Amino acid sequence: MQPNLTYAICSFNDIPSRRAMGFNLMVVKDDGNHRPWPILVVRWGKRVLGYVNNCPHNNVNLDWERNQFLDPYGIRLMCGKHGSTFDLGSGRCVEGPCQGRALTPIPLVVLDGDICVVGVHLVEEDGSANN
């Protein structure tokens, strides 16, 4: 992780409170190659939480439809394929086939009204990498 790297991924106001949004980013690996990095961002009031969009049970994206990450009660993340539910704050699976495992957290900060991912080298939209 490179803590000096910060990339804005969306405006804080792009995600309504108590909602989640997915992003398909590209990471620059140490060898210079790129790999897909699907993440999800949850906004809960003034808090933002981020996780890799990958169920630990079966390595599938959590959303069953675009940006549909929350359970029917809107209080947990849920895998659309198997129904596993995850605690919003910790990413820990609380119900379903992946109990005892957790989502991979993503470090996020809010800077100047933007939600930013920290410490990961991303490919920018124009194809160049930012330092």
C-alpha atoms as a PDB file:
ATOM      1  CA  MET A   1       0.000   0.000   0.000  1.00  0.00           C
ATOM      2  CA  GLN A   2       1.245   3.473  -0.869  1.00  0.00           C
ATOM      3  CA  PRO A   3      -0.427   5.906   1.596  1.00  0.00           C
ATOM      4  CA  ASN A   4       0.586   8.989  -0.410  1.00  0.00           C
ATOM      5  CA  LEU A   5      -1.606   7.932  -3.354  1.00  0.00           C
ATOM      6  CA  THR A   6      -5.159   9.301  -3.282  1.00  0.00           C
ATOM      7  CA  TYR A   7      -7.707   9.037  -6.107  1.00  0.00           C
ATOM      8  CA  ALA A   8     -11.137  10.664  -6.144  1.00  0.00           C
ATOM      9  CA  ILE A   9     -13.726   8.148  -7.322  1.00  0.00           C
ATOM     10  CA  CYS A  10     -16.933  10.160  -6.939  1.00  0.00           C
ATOM     11  CA  SER A  11     -18.481  13.103  -5.166  1.00  0.00           C
ATOM     12  CA  PHE A  12     -19.691  12.456  -1.602  1.00  0.00           C
ATOM     13  CA  ASN A  13     -23.165  13.584  -2.704  1.00  0.00           C
ATOM     14  CA  ASP A  14     -23.242  11.076  -5.603  1.00  0.00           C
ATOM     15  CA  ILE A  15     -24.159   8.348  -3.104  1.00  0.00           C
ATOM     16  CA  PRO A  16     -27.301   8.973  -1.035  1.00  0.00           C
ATOM     17  CA  SER A  17     -27.098   8.138   2.670  1.00  0.00           C
ATOM     18  CA  ARG A  18     -27.850   4.482   3.455  1.00  0.00           C
ATOM     19  CA  ARG A  19     -27.052   3.445  -0.118  1.00  0.00           C
ATOM     20  CA  ALA A  20     -24.145   1.748  -1.886  1.00  0.00           C
ATOM     21  CA  MET A  21     -22.571   2.182  -5.285  1.00  0.00           C
ATOM     22  CA  GLY A  22     -20.189  -0.031  -7.246  1.00  0.00           C
ATOM     23  CA  PHE A  23     -17.119   1.060  -9.196  1.00  0.00           C
ATOM     24  CA  ASN A  24     -15.030  -0.904 -11.685  1.00  0.00           C
ATOM     25  CA  LEU A  25     -11.522   0.458 -11.301  1.00  0.00           C
ATOM     26  CA  MET A  26      -8.163  -0.690 -12.660  1.00  0.00           C
ATOM     27  CA  VAL A  27      -5.154  -1.181 -10.391  1.00  0.00           C
ATOM     28  CA  VAL A  28      -1.576  -0.794 -11.579  1.00  0.00           C
ATOM     29  CA  LYS A  29       0.315  -3.797 -10.231  1.00  0.00           C
ATOM     30  CA  ASP A  30       3.969  -3.682  -9.128  1.00  0.00           C
ATOM     31  CA  ASP A  31       5.044  -5.091 -12.502  1.00  0.00           C
ATOM     32  CA  GLY A  32       3.216  -2.268 -14.330  1.00  0.00           C
ATOM     33  CA  ASN A  33       0.381  -4.449 -15.612  1.00  0.00           C
ATOM     34  CA  HIS A  34      -3.239  -3.535 -14.936  1.00  0.00           C
ATOM     35  CA  ARG A  35      -5.901  -5.668 -13.284  1.00  0.00           C
ATOM     36  CA  PRO A  36      -9.608  -5.040 -12.696  1.00  0.00           C
ATOM     37  CA  TRP A  37     -10.523  -3.935  -9.185  1.00  0.00           C
ATOM     38  CA  PRO A  38     -14.299  -3.893  -8.585  1.00  0.00           C
ATOM     39  CA  ILE A  39     -15.172  -2.107  -5.347  1.00  0.00           C
ATOM     40  CA  LEU A  40     -18.297  -0.925  -3.572  1.00  0.00           C
ATOM     41  CA  VAL A  41     -18.748   2.181  -1.465  1.00  0.00           C
ATOM     42  CA  VAL A  42     -21.409   2.523   1.232  1.00  0.00           C
ATOM     43  CA  ARG A  43     -22.455   5.920   2.553  1.00  0.00           C
ATOM     44  CA  TRP A  44     -24.056   5.923   5.980  1.00  0.00           C
ATOM     45  CA  GLY A  45     -24.752   9.497   7.021  1.00  0.00           C
ATOM     46  CA  LYS A  46     -21.343  11.188   7.035  1.00  0.00           C
ATOM     47  CA  ARG A  47     -19.437   7.860   7.037  1.00  0.00           C
ATOM     48  CA  VAL A  48     -18.138   6.086   3.956  1.00  0.00           C
ATOM     49  CA  LEU A  49     -17.082   2.444   3.910  1.00  0.00           C
ATOM     50  CA  GLY A  50     -15.470   0.545   1.076  1.00  0.00           C
ATOM     51  CA  TYR A  51     -14.990  -3.125   0.223  1.00  0.00           C
ATOM     52  CA  VAL A  52     -13.781  -5.160  -2.709  1.00  0.00           C
ATOM     53  CA  ASN A  53     -16.917  -6.248  -4.587  1.00  0.00           C
ATOM     54  CA  ASN A  54     -16.249  -9.969  -4.186  1.00  0.00           C
ATOM     55  CA  CYS A  55     -18.118 -12.522  -2.077  1.00  0.00           C
ATOM     56  CA  PRO A  56     -15.627 -14.675  -0.126  1.00  0.00           C
ATOM     57  CA  HIS A  57     -17.887 -17.717  -0.612  1.00  0.00           C
ATOM     58  CA  ASN A  58     -17.769 -18.036  -4.391  1.00  0.00           C
ATOM     59  CA  ASN A  59     -15.690 -15.133  -5.786  1.00  0.00           C
ATOM     60  CA  VAL A  60     -18.682 -13.434  -7.430  1.00  0.00           C
ATOM     61  CA  ASN A  61     -19.706  -9.774  -7.306  1.00  0.00           C
ATOM     62  CA  LEU A  62     -22.184  -9.018  -4.534  1.00  0.00           C
ATOM     63  CA  ASP A  63     -24.648  -6.940  -6.547  1.00  0.00           C
ATOM     64  CA  TRP A  64     -27.384  -8.913  -8.278  1.00  0.00           C
ATOM     65  CA  GLU A  65     -28.358  -5.812 -10.267  1.00  0.00           C
ATOM     66  CA  ARG A  66     -26.205  -2.745 -10.808  1.00  0.00           C
ATOM     67  CA  ASN A  67     -25.631  -0.991  -7.453  1.00  0.00           C
ATOM     68  CA  GLN A  68     -27.967  -3.354  -5.566  1.00  0.00           C
ATOM     69  CA  PHE A  69     -25.798  -4.291  -2.580  1.00  0.00           C
ATOM     70  CA  LEU A  70     -28.033  -4.002   0.474  1.00  0.00           C
ATOM     71  CA  ASP A  71     -30.364  -6.574   1.964  1.00  0.00           C
ATOM     72  CA  PRO A  72     -34.160  -5.971   1.813  1.00  0.00           C
ATOM     73  CA  TYR A  73     -33.978  -4.140   5.179  1.00  0.00           C
ATOM     74  CA  GLY A  74     -31.205  -1.837   3.959  1.00  0.00           C
ATOM     75  CA  ILE A  75     -28.969  -2.598   6.943  1.00  0.00           C
ATOM     76  CA  ARG A  76     -26.458  -5.176   5.669  1.00  0.00           C
ATOM     77  CA  LEU A  77     -24.552  -5.882   2.498  1.00  0.00           C
ATOM     78  CA  MET A  78     -25.872  -8.967   0.737  1.00  0.00           C
ATOM     79  CA  CYS A  79     -24.545 -11.331  -1.919  1.00  0.00           C
ATOM     80  CA  GLY A  80     -27.158 -11.511  -4.661  1.00  0.00           C
ATOM     81  CA  LYS A  81     -26.102 -15.022  -5.650  1.00  0.00           C
ATOM     82  CA  HIS A  82     -26.245 -16.904  -2.338  1.00  0.00           C
ATOM     83  CA  GLY A  83     -27.911 -14.452   0.062  1.00  0.00           C
ATOM     84  CA  SER A  84     -24.965 -14.202   2.465  1.00  0.00           C
ATOM     85  CA  THR A  85     -25.213 -11.018   4.524  1.00  0.00           C
ATOM     86  CA  PHE A  86     -22.344  -8.891   5.798  1.00  0.00           C
ATOM     87  CA  ASP A  87     -22.047  -6.364   8.610  1.00  0.00           C
ATOM     88  CA  LEU A  88     -21.693  -2.885   7.090  1.00  0.00           C
ATOM     89  CA  GLY A  89     -19.054  -1.686   9.545  1.00  0.00           C
ATOM     90  CA  SER A  90     -16.760  -4.700   9.597  1.00  0.00           C
ATOM     91  CA  GLY A  91     -17.550  -6.579   6.368  1.00  0.00           C
ATOM     92  CA  ARG A  92     -17.846  -9.770   8.414  1.00  0.00           C
ATOM     93  CA  CYS A  93     -20.296 -12.382   7.107  1.00  0.00           C
ATOM     94  CA  VAL A  94     -23.103 -12.732   9.659  1.00  0.00           C
ATOM     95  CA  GLU A  95     -25.363 -15.152   7.789  1.00  0.00           C
ATOM     96  CA  GLY A  96     -24.975 -17.537   4.882  1.00  0.00           C
ATOM     97  CA  PRO A  97     -22.452 -19.973   3.413  1.00  0.00           C
ATOM     98  CA  CYS A  98     -19.400 -17.762   4.027  1.00  0.00           C
ATOM     99  CA  GLN A  99     -19.908 -17.298   7.780  1.00  0.00           C
ATOM    100  CA  GLY A 100     -16.641 -16.711   9.576  1.00  0.00           C
ATOM    101  CA  ARG A 101     -15.144 -14.908   6.576  1.00  0.00           C
ATOM    102  CA  ALA A 102     -15.244 -11.230   5.617  1.00  0.00           C
ATOM    103  CA  LEU A 103     -15.192  -8.820   2.712  1.00  0.00           C
ATOM    104  CA  THR A 104     -11.858  -7.144   1.958  1.00  0.00           C
ATOM    105  CA  PRO A 105     -11.940  -3.529   3.226  1.00  0.00           C
ATOM    106  CA  ILE A 106     -10.855  -0.577   1.069  1.00  0.00           C
ATOM    107  CA  PRO A 107      -9.316   2.521   2.724  1.00  0.00           C
ATOM    108  CA  LEU A 108     -11.424   5.586   1.890  1.00  0.00           C
ATOM    109  CA  VAL A 109     -11.333   9.250   2.903  1.00  0.00           C
ATOM    110  CA  VAL A 110     -13.511  12.239   2.058  1.00  0.00           C
ATOM    111  CA  LEU A 111     -11.456  15.173   0.730  1.00  0.00           C
ATOM    112  CA  ASP A 112     -12.957  18.422  -0.539  1.00  0.00           C
ATOM    113  CA  GLY A 113     -16.351  16.769  -1.014  1.00  0.00           C
ATOM    114  CA  ASP A 114     -14.989  13.766  -2.913  1.00  0.00           C
ATOM    115  CA  ILE A 115     -14.808  10.132  -1.802  1.00  0.00           C
ATOM    116  CA  CYS A 116     -11.226   9.029  -2.396  1.00  0.00           C
ATOM    117  CA  VAL A 117      -9.504   5.659  -2.314  1.00  0.00           C
ATOM    118  CA  VAL A 118      -6.146   5.775  -0.528  1.00  0.00           C
ATOM    119  CA  GLY A 119      -2.925   3.836  -0.943  1.00  0.00           C
ATOM    120  CA  VAL A 120      -3.705   2.011  -4.190  1.00  0.00           C
ATOM    121  CA  HIS A 121      -2.154   2.868  -7.566  1.00  0.00           C
ATOM    122  CA  LEU A 122      -5.042   3.238 -10.033  1.00  0.00           C
ATOM    123  CA  VAL A 123      -5.155   3.673 -13.792  1.00  0.00           C
ATOM    124  CA  GLU A 124      -6.758   7.009 -14.540  1.00  0.00           C
ATOM    125  CA  GLU A 125      -9.444   7.355 -17.197  1.00  0.00           C
ATOM    126  CA  ASP A 126      -7.027   8.847 -19.707  1.00  0.00           C
ATOM    127  CA  GLY A 127      -4.843   5.743 -19.302  1.00  0.00           C
ATOM    128  CA  SER A 128      -1.978   7.342 -17.383  1.00  0.00           C
ATOM    129  CA  ALA A 129      -1.138   6.630 -13.759  1.00  0.00           C
ATOM    130  CA  ASN A 130      -1.105   9.373 -11.112  1.00  0.00           C
ATOM    131  CA  ASN A 131       1.467   9.704  -8.326  1.00  0.00           C
END
